[in-house]
Amino acid sequence: MSGLLPTFLFSDYFYIFMDDVLKEKIWRLAEPVIAAEEMELIHVECLKMHRRWIIRLYMDKENGVTLDDCTSVSNQLGDIFDINDLLDCPYTLEVSSPGFDRPISRDVDFVKYINARVDVKTGAKIGGIKNFHGVLLDYIEENGEKIVLLEVAGKTYRIPRKAIVKANLANAG
């Protein structure tokens, strides 16, 4: 054995790293455009599908996002991304409202949705669970670490914010 990582494993690590770097860059470019349209950038997702990136932006405003809002922002950002050489491969840009099962990814979102029903997925098991479906009780900071308090079936779980891979409002339907 050579001690080198298999190519597919390196590739996975590369795309995880690339995903975070890409999200940061997209956020910096997209947030001012969306704010200028009197909306708020809620969440950014980047998915690698074969040789193409899928970039999903979720935005919101007080009276809801319209199709015209999405079209306007998509057109502006497509030009900005191209001018800034965001990617050197093909990508698809999807711009939409967050929907009923809106992502919860920012500190302000965790605070805003205290007492709401949420779905939380962690990278590793916590108390034997990776997929939590419960009520967001609180969002606190202890010793410099952000903690989500979640009630599931009468039991309270303390989930470190950094352990959360994905969090959404639970679909009421």
N, C-alpha and C. Protein backbone atom coordinates (compact mmCIF):
# COMPACT_ATOMS: atom_id res chain seq x y z
N MET A 1 0.85 -1.19 0.00
CA MET A 1 0.00 0.00 0.00
C MET A 1 0.89 1.24 0.00
N SER A 2 0.53 2.21 -0.79
CA SER A 2 1.39 3.38 -0.98
C SER A 2 1.21 4.44 0.10
N GLY A 3 0.13 4.39 0.84
CA GLY A 3 -0.13 5.42 1.84
C GLY A 3 -0.88 6.62 1.29
N LEU A 4 -1.08 6.64 -0.02
CA LEU A 4 -1.83 7.73 -0.64
C LEU A 4 -3.33 7.47 -0.50
N LEU A 5 -4.10 8.54 -0.40
CA LEU A 5 -5.55 8.39 -0.36
C LEU A 5 -6.06 7.98 -1.73
N PRO A 6 -7.07 7.12 -1.76
CA PRO A 6 -7.67 6.80 -3.05
C PRO A 6 -8.22 8.07 -3.70
N THR A 7 -8.19 8.13 -5.01
CA THR A 7 -8.62 9.32 -5.75
C THR A 7 -10.04 9.73 -5.37
N PHE A 8 -10.96 8.76 -5.26
CA PHE A 8 -12.34 9.10 -4.96
C PHE A 8 -12.47 9.73 -3.57
N LEU A 9 -11.65 9.31 -2.63
CA LEU A 9 -11.70 9.88 -1.29
C LEU A 9 -11.18 11.31 -1.30
N PHE A 10 -10.07 11.53 -1.98
CA PHE A 10 -9.53 12.88 -2.12
C PHE A 10 -10.57 13.78 -2.77
N SER A 11 -11.20 13.26 -3.81
CA SER A 11 -12.20 14.03 -4.54
C SER A 11 -13.32 14.46 -3.61
N ASP A 12 -13.80 13.57 -2.74
CA ASP A 12 -14.86 13.92 -1.80
C ASP A 12 -14.40 15.04 -0.88
N TYR A 13 -13.19 14.93 -0.33
CA TYR A 13 -12.70 15.97 0.56
C TYR A 13 -12.53 17.29 -0.18
N PHE A 14 -12.06 17.22 -1.42
CA PHE A 14 -11.89 18.43 -2.22
C PHE A 14 -13.22 19.14 -2.40
N TYR A 15 -14.28 18.39 -2.74
CA TYR A 15 -15.57 19.02 -2.99
C TYR A 15 -16.22 19.54 -1.72
N ILE A 16 -15.98 18.89 -0.59
CA ILE A 16 -16.49 19.42 0.68
C ILE A 16 -15.82 20.76 0.97
N PHE A 17 -14.49 20.82 0.80
CA PHE A 17 -13.77 22.08 1.01
C PHE A 17 -14.22 23.12 -0.01
N MET A 18 -14.28 22.72 -1.28
CA MET A 18 -14.68 23.63 -2.36
C MET A 18 -16.08 24.17 -2.10
N ASP A 19 -16.97 23.33 -1.60
CA ASP A 19 -18.35 23.72 -1.31
C ASP A 19 -18.37 24.87 -0.31
N ASP A 20 -17.61 24.78 0.77
CA ASP A 20 -17.57 25.84 1.78
C ASP A 20 -16.99 27.13 1.23
N VAL A 21 -15.91 27.02 0.48
CA VAL A 21 -15.28 28.20 -0.12
C VAL A 21 -16.24 28.85 -1.11
N LEU A 22 -16.88 28.03 -1.91
CA LEU A 22 -17.83 28.53 -2.91
C LEU A 22 -19.01 29.22 -2.25
N LYS A 23 -19.56 28.61 -1.19
CA LYS A 23 -20.68 29.22 -0.47
C LYS A 23 -20.32 30.61 0.05
N GLU A 24 -19.13 30.72 0.63
CA GLU A 24 -18.67 32.01 1.15
C GLU A 24 -18.59 33.06 0.05
N LYS A 25 -18.00 32.69 -1.07
CA LYS A 25 -17.85 33.61 -2.18
C LYS A 25 -19.21 34.02 -2.74
N ILE A 26 -20.10 33.05 -2.89
CA ILE A 26 -21.45 33.34 -3.39
C ILE A 26 -22.17 34.28 -2.44
N TRP A 27 -22.08 34.01 -1.14
CA TRP A 27 -22.76 34.84 -0.14
C TRP A 27 -22.29 36.30 -0.27
N ARG A 28 -20.97 36.49 -0.37
CA ARG A 28 -20.41 37.85 -0.48
C ARG A 28 -20.89 38.57 -1.74
N LEU A 29 -21.02 37.85 -2.84
CA LEU A 29 -21.47 38.46 -4.08
C LEU A 29 -22.99 38.66 -4.11
N ALA A 30 -23.74 37.72 -3.56
CA ALA A 30 -25.20 37.75 -3.67
C ALA A 30 -25.89 38.64 -2.65
N GLU A 31 -25.37 38.69 -1.44
CA GLU A 31 -26.08 39.41 -0.38
C GLU A 31 -26.36 40.88 -0.72
N PRO A 32 -25.39 41.65 -1.23
CA PRO A 32 -25.69 43.05 -1.55
C PRO A 32 -26.73 43.22 -2.66
N VAL A 33 -26.71 42.32 -3.64
CA VAL A 33 -27.69 42.38 -4.73
C VAL A 33 -29.09 42.13 -4.19
N ILE A 34 -29.22 41.11 -3.37
CA ILE A 34 -30.52 40.75 -2.80
C ILE A 34 -31.00 41.83 -1.84
N ALA A 35 -30.09 42.39 -1.04
CA ALA A 35 -30.45 43.48 -0.11
C ALA A 35 -30.92 44.71 -0.88
N ALA A 36 -30.30 45.00 -2.03
CA ALA A 36 -30.70 46.15 -2.85
C ALA A 36 -32.12 45.98 -3.38
N GLU A 37 -32.58 44.75 -3.48
CA GLU A 37 -33.95 44.45 -3.92
C GLU A 37 -34.90 44.36 -2.72
N GLU A 38 -34.41 44.80 -1.55
CA GLU A 38 -35.18 44.80 -0.30
C GLU A 38 -35.62 43.40 0.12
N MET A 39 -34.70 42.46 -0.08
CA MET A 39 -34.92 41.09 0.36
C MET A 39 -33.73 40.65 1.21
N GLU A 40 -33.86 39.48 1.78
CA GLU A 40 -32.83 38.95 2.67
C GLU A 40 -32.36 37.59 2.14
N LEU A 41 -31.05 37.41 2.05
CA LEU A 41 -30.49 36.11 1.68
C LEU A 41 -30.60 35.20 2.89
N ILE A 42 -31.27 34.08 2.71
CA ILE A 42 -31.54 33.15 3.81
C ILE A 42 -30.53 32.01 3.85
N HIS A 43 -30.22 31.46 2.67
CA HIS A 43 -29.41 30.23 2.65
C HIS A 43 -28.80 30.04 1.27
N VAL A 44 -27.62 29.44 1.24
CA VAL A 44 -26.93 29.09 -0.01
C VAL A 44 -26.59 27.60 0.04
N GLU A 45 -26.92 26.90 -1.04
CA GLU A 45 -26.54 25.49 -1.19
C GLU A 45 -25.71 25.34 -2.45
N CYS A 46 -24.68 24.52 -2.39
CA CYS A 46 -23.85 24.22 -3.56
C CYS A 46 -23.73 22.70 -3.67
N LEU A 47 -24.16 22.16 -4.78
CA LEU A 47 -24.11 20.72 -5.00
C LEU A 47 -23.34 20.43 -6.28
N LYS A 48 -22.45 19.47 -6.23
CA LYS A 48 -21.70 19.07 -7.42
C LYS A 48 -22.44 17.89 -8.04
N MET A 49 -22.91 18.07 -9.26
CA MET A 49 -23.63 17.01 -9.99
C MET A 49 -22.84 16.71 -11.26
N HIS A 50 -22.08 15.63 -11.25
CA HIS A 50 -21.21 15.26 -12.36
C HIS A 50 -20.22 16.40 -12.62
N ARG A 51 -20.27 17.04 -13.74
CA ARG A 51 -19.32 18.12 -14.06
C ARG A 51 -19.96 19.50 -13.93
N ARG A 52 -21.09 19.58 -13.27
CA ARG A 52 -21.83 20.83 -13.17
C ARG A 52 -22.16 21.11 -11.69
N TRP A 53 -22.02 22.37 -11.31
CA TRP A 53 -22.43 22.80 -9.98
C TRP A 53 -23.88 23.25 -10.03
N ILE A 54 -24.64 22.93 -9.01
CA ILE A 54 -25.99 23.47 -8.81
C ILE A 54 -25.87 24.45 -7.65
N ILE A 55 -26.17 25.71 -7.91
CA ILE A 55 -26.11 26.75 -6.88
C ILE A 55 -27.54 27.17 -6.58
N ARG A 56 -27.95 26.97 -5.32
CA ARG A 56 -29.31 27.33 -4.90
C ARG A 56 -29.25 28.45 -3.88
N LEU A 57 -29.97 29.51 -4.18
CA LEU A 57 -30.08 30.65 -3.27
C LEU A 57 -31.51 30.75 -2.80
N TYR A 58 -31.69 30.90 -1.50
CA TYR A 58 -33.02 31.10 -0.93
C TYR A 58 -33.07 32.50 -0.35
N MET A 59 -34.09 33.25 -0.73
CA MET A 59 -34.23 34.62 -0.26
C MET A 59 -35.66 34.84 0.20
N ASP A 60 -35.85 35.88 1.01
CA ASP A 60 -37.19 36.14 1.54
C ASP A 60 -37.38 37.63 1.75
N LYS A 61 -38.63 38.02 1.85
CA LYS A 61 -38.99 39.39 2.22
C LYS A 61 -40.33 39.33 2.92
N GLU A 62 -40.70 40.42 3.55
CA GLU A 62 -41.86 40.45 4.42
C GLU A 62 -43.14 39.94 3.75
N ASN A 63 -43.44 40.38 2.56
CA ASN A 63 -44.69 39.97 1.90
C ASN A 63 -44.51 38.79 0.95
N GLY A 64 -43.40 38.11 1.05
CA GLY A 64 -43.14 36.95 0.22
C GLY A 64 -42.42 37.30 -1.07
N VAL A 65 -41.74 36.33 -1.61
CA VAL A 65 -40.94 36.48 -2.82
C VAL A 65 -41.80 36.09 -4.03
N THR A 66 -41.74 36.90 -5.08
CA THR A 66 -42.49 36.62 -6.30
C THR A 66 -41.58 36.00 -7.36
N LEU A 67 -42.19 35.49 -8.41
CA LEU A 67 -41.43 34.95 -9.53
C LEU A 67 -40.59 36.06 -10.18
N ASP A 68 -41.15 37.26 -10.26
CA ASP A 68 -40.40 38.40 -10.82
C ASP A 68 -39.16 38.71 -9.98
N ASP A 69 -39.31 38.62 -8.64
CA ASP A 69 -38.15 38.83 -7.75
C ASP A 69 -37.05 37.82 -8.06
N CYS A 70 -37.44 36.56 -8.18
CA CYS A 70 -36.46 35.49 -8.44
C CYS A 70 -35.78 35.70 -9.79
N THR A 71 -36.56 36.06 -10.80
CA THR A 71 -36.02 36.28 -12.14
C THR A 71 -35.03 37.44 -12.14
N SER A 72 -35.41 38.54 -11.50
CA SER A 72 -34.55 39.72 -11.46
C SER A 72 -33.22 39.41 -10.78
N VAL A 73 -33.28 38.78 -9.63
CA VAL A 73 -32.06 38.46 -8.88
C VAL A 73 -31.22 37.44 -9.65
N SER A 74 -31.86 36.45 -10.23
CA SER A 74 -31.14 35.43 -11.00
C SER A 74 -30.38 36.06 -12.17
N ASN A 75 -31.03 36.96 -12.89
CA ASN A 75 -30.37 37.62 -14.02
C ASN A 75 -29.18 38.47 -13.56
N GLN A 76 -29.37 39.23 -12.49
CA GLN A 76 -28.28 40.07 -11.97
C GLN A 76 -27.11 39.22 -11.50
N LEU A 77 -27.42 38.17 -10.73
CA LEU A 77 -26.35 37.35 -10.16
C LEU A 77 -25.64 36.52 -11.22
N GLY A 78 -26.37 36.05 -12.22
CA GLY A 78 -25.73 35.30 -13.30
C GLY A 78 -24.63 36.13 -13.95
N ASP A 79 -24.94 37.40 -14.20
CA ASP A 79 -23.94 38.31 -14.79
C ASP A 79 -22.77 38.54 -13.83
N ILE A 80 -23.09 38.79 -12.57
CA ILE A 80 -22.04 39.05 -11.57
C ILE A 80 -21.14 37.83 -11.38
N PHE A 81 -21.74 36.64 -11.30
CA PHE A 81 -20.96 35.42 -11.14
C PHE A 81 -20.03 35.21 -12.34
N ASP A 82 -20.54 35.48 -13.54
CA ASP A 82 -19.71 35.30 -14.74
C ASP A 82 -18.57 36.31 -14.79
N ILE A 83 -18.85 37.57 -14.46
CA ILE A 83 -17.82 38.61 -14.46
C ILE A 83 -16.73 38.30 -13.45
N ASN A 84 -17.12 37.74 -12.30
CA ASN A 84 -16.17 37.43 -11.23
C ASN A 84 -15.55 36.04 -11.36
N ASP A 85 -15.78 35.38 -12.50
CA ASP A 85 -15.23 34.02 -12.71
C ASP A 85 -15.48 33.13 -11.50
N LEU A 86 -16.74 33.07 -11.09
CA LEU A 86 -17.11 32.29 -9.92
C LEU A 86 -16.67 30.84 -10.05
N LEU A 87 -16.92 30.25 -11.21
CA LEU A 87 -16.55 28.86 -11.45
C LEU A 87 -15.94 28.71 -12.83
N ASP A 88 -15.07 27.73 -12.97
CA ASP A 88 -14.47 27.47 -14.28
C ASP A 88 -15.13 26.27 -14.95
N CYS A 89 -16.33 25.94 -14.51
CA CYS A 89 -17.09 24.85 -15.12
C CYS A 89 -18.56 25.27 -15.20
N PRO A 90 -19.38 24.54 -15.92
CA PRO A 90 -20.79 24.92 -16.02
C PRO A 90 -21.49 24.87 -14.66
N TYR A 91 -22.48 25.74 -14.50
CA TYR A 91 -23.28 25.72 -13.28
C TYR A 91 -24.71 26.10 -13.61
N THR A 92 -25.61 25.69 -12.74
CA THR A 92 -27.01 26.07 -12.83
C THR A 92 -27.32 26.90 -11.60
N LEU A 93 -27.90 28.07 -11.80
CA LEU A 93 -28.27 28.96 -10.70
C LEU A 93 -29.76 28.85 -10.47
N GLU A 94 -30.16 28.49 -9.26
CA GLU A 94 -31.57 28.40 -8.88
C GLU A 94 -31.81 29.41 -7.77
N VAL A 95 -32.78 30.30 -7.97
CA VAL A 95 -33.12 31.33 -6.98
C VAL A 95 -34.58 31.15 -6.62
N SER A 96 -34.88 31.06 -5.31
CA SER A 96 -36.27 30.84 -4.91
C SER A 96 -36.53 31.36 -3.50
N SER A 97 -37.79 31.30 -3.12
CA SER A 97 -38.16 31.59 -1.74
C SER A 97 -37.82 30.35 -0.92
N PRO A 98 -37.71 30.48 0.39
CA PRO A 98 -37.32 29.33 1.20
C PRO A 98 -38.42 28.28 1.35
N GLY A 99 -39.67 28.62 1.11
CA GLY A 99 -40.76 27.66 1.22
C GLY A 99 -41.14 27.38 2.66
N PHE A 100 -42.09 26.45 2.83
CA PHE A 100 -42.60 26.13 4.17
C PHE A 100 -41.55 25.44 5.03
N ASP A 101 -40.68 24.67 4.40
CA ASP A 101 -39.65 23.94 5.15
C ASP A 101 -38.32 24.68 5.05
N ARG A 102 -38.39 25.98 5.23
CA ARG A 102 -37.25 26.87 5.05
C ARG A 102 -36.02 26.40 5.82
N PRO A 103 -34.85 26.56 5.22
CA PRO A 103 -33.61 26.22 5.90
C PRO A 103 -33.37 27.13 7.11
N ILE A 104 -32.78 26.58 8.12
CA ILE A 104 -32.36 27.34 9.30
C ILE A 104 -30.84 27.19 9.34
N SER A 105 -30.13 28.25 8.97
CA SER A 105 -28.68 28.11 8.88
C SER A 105 -27.91 29.23 9.57
N ARG A 106 -28.58 30.34 9.85
CA ARG A 106 -27.90 31.47 10.48
C ARG A 106 -28.29 31.54 11.96
N ASP A 107 -27.45 32.16 12.76
CA ASP A 107 -27.76 32.32 14.18
C ASP A 107 -29.12 32.98 14.36
N VAL A 108 -29.38 34.03 13.59
CA VAL A 108 -30.63 34.77 13.71
C VAL A 108 -31.84 33.87 13.42
N ASP A 109 -31.68 32.89 12.53
CA ASP A 109 -32.78 31.96 12.23
C ASP A 109 -33.06 31.04 13.41
N PHE A 110 -32.00 30.54 14.05
CA PHE A 110 -32.21 29.66 15.20
C PHE A 110 -32.93 30.41 16.32
N VAL A 111 -32.61 31.67 16.52
CA VAL A 111 -33.29 32.47 17.55
C VAL A 111 -34.72 32.75 17.12
N LYS A 112 -34.91 33.12 15.87
CA LYS A 112 -36.24 33.49 15.36
C LYS A 112 -37.24 32.33 15.47
N TYR A 113 -36.77 31.10 15.30
CA TYR A 113 -37.68 29.96 15.25
C TYR A 113 -37.72 29.14 16.55
N ILE A 114 -37.36 29.77 17.66
CA ILE A 114 -37.54 29.12 18.95
C ILE A 114 -39.03 28.82 19.11
N ASN A 115 -39.34 27.64 19.59
CA ASN A 115 -40.69 27.09 19.78
C ASN A 115 -41.32 26.57 18.49
N ALA A 116 -40.58 26.56 17.40
CA ALA A 116 -41.10 26.01 16.14
C ALA A 116 -40.70 24.54 16.03
N ARG A 117 -41.49 23.79 15.25
CA ARG A 117 -41.15 22.40 14.95
C ARG A 117 -40.07 22.41 13.86
N VAL A 118 -39.01 21.65 14.10
CA VAL A 118 -37.87 21.64 13.19
C VAL A 118 -37.38 20.22 12.92
N ASP A 119 -36.69 20.07 11.81
CA ASP A 119 -35.97 18.85 11.48
C ASP A 119 -34.49 19.21 11.47
N VAL A 120 -33.69 18.45 12.22
CA VAL A 120 -32.26 18.71 12.34
C VAL A 120 -31.50 17.43 12.03
N LYS A 121 -30.50 17.56 11.16
CA LYS A 121 -29.64 16.42 10.83
C LYS A 121 -28.23 16.75 11.29
N THR A 122 -27.61 15.81 12.01
CA THR A 122 -26.24 16.01 12.48
C THR A 122 -25.28 15.09 11.71
N GLY A 123 -24.01 15.45 11.74
CA GLY A 123 -23.00 14.66 11.05
C GLY A 123 -22.70 13.35 11.76
N ALA A 124 -22.82 13.35 13.07
CA ALA A 124 -22.58 12.15 13.87
C ALA A 124 -23.75 11.98 14.84
N LYS A 125 -23.92 10.78 15.34
CA LYS A 125 -25.03 10.52 16.26
C LYS A 125 -24.83 11.27 17.57
N ILE A 126 -25.92 11.80 18.07
CA ILE A 126 -25.96 12.45 19.38
C ILE A 126 -27.08 11.75 20.15
N GLY A 127 -26.73 11.09 21.24
CA GLY A 127 -27.73 10.31 21.96
C GLY A 127 -28.32 9.21 21.10
N GLY A 128 -27.51 8.69 20.18
CA GLY A 128 -27.95 7.60 19.31
C GLY A 128 -28.78 8.05 18.11
N ILE A 129 -28.89 9.35 17.89
CA ILE A 129 -29.75 9.88 16.82
C ILE A 129 -28.95 10.83 15.91
N LYS A 130 -29.23 10.76 14.61
CA LYS A 130 -28.66 11.71 13.65
C LYS A 130 -29.75 12.61 13.04
N ASN A 131 -30.97 12.11 12.96
CA ASN A 131 -32.08 12.86 12.38
C ASN A 131 -33.11 13.15 13.47
N PHE A 132 -33.18 14.40 13.86
CA PHE A 132 -34.06 14.83 14.94
C PHE A 132 -35.29 15.52 14.36
N HIS A 133 -36.46 15.23 14.94
CA HIS A 133 -37.71 15.89 14.57
C HIS A 133 -38.35 16.34 15.88
N GLY A 134 -38.32 17.64 16.14
CA GLY A 134 -38.84 18.10 17.42
C GLY A 134 -39.07 19.60 17.45
N VAL A 135 -39.08 20.13 18.67
CA VAL A 135 -39.33 21.56 18.89
C VAL A 135 -38.03 22.23 19.31
N LEU A 136 -37.70 23.33 18.63
CA LEU A 136 -36.52 24.12 18.97
C LEU A 136 -36.82 24.89 20.25
N LEU A 137 -36.19 24.49 21.35
CA LEU A 137 -36.45 25.12 22.65
C LEU A 137 -35.65 26.39 22.86
N ASP A 138 -34.38 26.37 22.46
CA ASP A 138 -33.53 27.54 22.71
C ASP A 138 -32.26 27.43 21.86
N TYR A 139 -31.59 28.56 21.76
CA TYR A 139 -30.31 28.63 21.06
C TYR A 139 -29.41 29.45 21.97
N ILE A 140 -28.42 28.78 22.55
CA ILE A 140 -27.60 29.43 23.58
C ILE A 140 -26.12 29.32 23.24
N GLU A 141 -25.33 30.06 24.00
CA GLU A 141 -23.88 29.97 23.87
C GLU A 141 -23.32 29.64 25.24
N GLU A 142 -22.50 28.60 25.29
CA GLU A 142 -21.83 28.18 26.53
C GLU A 142 -20.35 27.97 26.24
N ASN A 143 -19.51 28.65 27.00
CA ASN A 143 -18.06 28.51 26.83
C ASN A 143 -17.63 28.71 25.38
N GLY A 144 -18.23 29.68 24.72
CA GLY A 144 -17.88 29.99 23.34
C GLY A 144 -18.46 29.05 22.30
N GLU A 145 -19.25 28.08 22.72
CA GLU A 145 -19.85 27.13 21.78
C GLU A 145 -21.36 27.36 21.71
N LYS A 146 -21.88 27.42 20.49
CA LYS A 146 -23.31 27.61 20.28
C LYS A 146 -24.00 26.26 20.37
N ILE A 147 -25.11 26.24 21.11
CA ILE A 147 -25.84 25.00 21.39
C ILE A 147 -27.30 25.17 21.01
N VAL A 148 -27.85 24.17 20.32
CA VAL A 148 -29.27 24.12 20.01
C VAL A 148 -29.92 23.18 21.02
N LEU A 149 -30.95 23.66 21.71
CA LEU A 149 -31.71 22.81 22.62
C LEU A 149 -32.97 22.38 21.88
N LEU A 150 -33.15 21.08 21.77
CA LEU A 150 -34.23 20.52 20.97
C LEU A 150 -35.00 19.49 21.78
N GLU A 151 -36.32 19.61 21.79
CA GLU A 151 -37.15 18.62 22.49
C GLU A 151 -37.71 17.63 21.48
N VAL A 152 -37.42 16.35 21.72
CA VAL A 152 -37.91 15.28 20.86
C VAL A 152 -38.59 14.25 21.75
N ALA A 153 -39.88 14.04 21.55
CA ALA A 153 -40.65 13.05 22.30
C ALA A 153 -40.45 13.19 23.81
N GLY A 154 -40.51 14.43 24.30
CA GLY A 154 -40.41 14.69 25.73
C GLY A 154 -39.00 14.73 26.29
N LYS A 155 -38.00 14.47 25.48
CA LYS A 155 -36.61 14.48 25.93
C LYS A 155 -35.89 15.66 25.30
N THR A 156 -35.05 16.35 26.10
CA THR A 156 -34.29 17.50 25.60
C THR A 156 -32.89 17.07 25.19
N TYR A 157 -32.51 17.46 23.97
CA TYR A 157 -31.18 17.17 23.44
C TYR A 157 -30.40 18.47 23.31
N ARG A 158 -29.12 18.41 23.66
CA ARG A 158 -28.20 19.55 23.50
C ARG A 158 -27.33 19.23 22.29
N ILE A 159 -27.54 19.99 21.23
CA ILE A 159 -26.85 19.71 19.98
C ILE A 159 -25.90 20.86 19.67
N PRO A 160 -24.60 20.60 19.64
CA PRO A 160 -23.66 21.66 19.26
C PRO A 160 -23.97 22.17 17.85
N ARG A 161 -23.99 23.45 17.68
CA ARG A 161 -24.31 24.05 16.38
C ARG A 161 -23.38 23.53 15.28
N LYS A 162 -22.11 23.36 15.62
CA LYS A 162 -21.14 22.89 14.62
C LYS A 162 -21.38 21.44 14.20
N ALA A 163 -22.19 20.68 14.96
CA ALA A 163 -22.49 19.30 14.61
C ALA A 163 -23.66 19.20 13.62
N ILE A 164 -24.37 20.31 13.42
CA ILE A 164 -25.56 20.30 12.56
C ILE A 164 -25.15 20.42 11.10
N VAL A 165 -25.59 19.45 10.32
CA VAL A 165 -25.34 19.43 8.88
C VAL A 165 -26.45 20.17 8.15
N LYS A 166 -27.68 20.00 8.64
CA LYS A 166 -28.84 20.61 7.99
C LYS A 166 -29.94 20.80 9.01
N ALA A 167 -30.63 21.95 8.92
CA ALA A 167 -31.78 22.21 9.79
C ALA A 167 -32.83 22.94 8.97
N ASN A 168 -34.08 22.53 9.17
CA ASN A 168 -35.21 23.13 8.45
C ASN A 168 -36.41 23.23 9.37
N LEU A 169 -37.30 24.18 9.05
CA LEU A 169 -38.60 24.16 9.70
C LEU A 169 -39.28 22.87 9.26
N ALA A 170 -39.99 22.23 10.18
CA ALA A 170 -40.68 20.98 9.85
C ALA A 170 -41.88 21.30 8.97
N ASN A 171 -42.06 20.53 7.93
CA ASN A 171 -43.19 20.71 7.03
C ASN A 171 -44.47 20.35 7.77
N ALA A 172 -45.39 21.30 7.84
CA ALA A 172 -46.64 21.09 8.57
C ALA A 172 -47.57 20.13 7.84
N GLY A 173 -47.29 19.84 6.58
CA GLY A 173 -48.19 19.02 5.76
C GLY A 173 -48.03 17.59 5.94
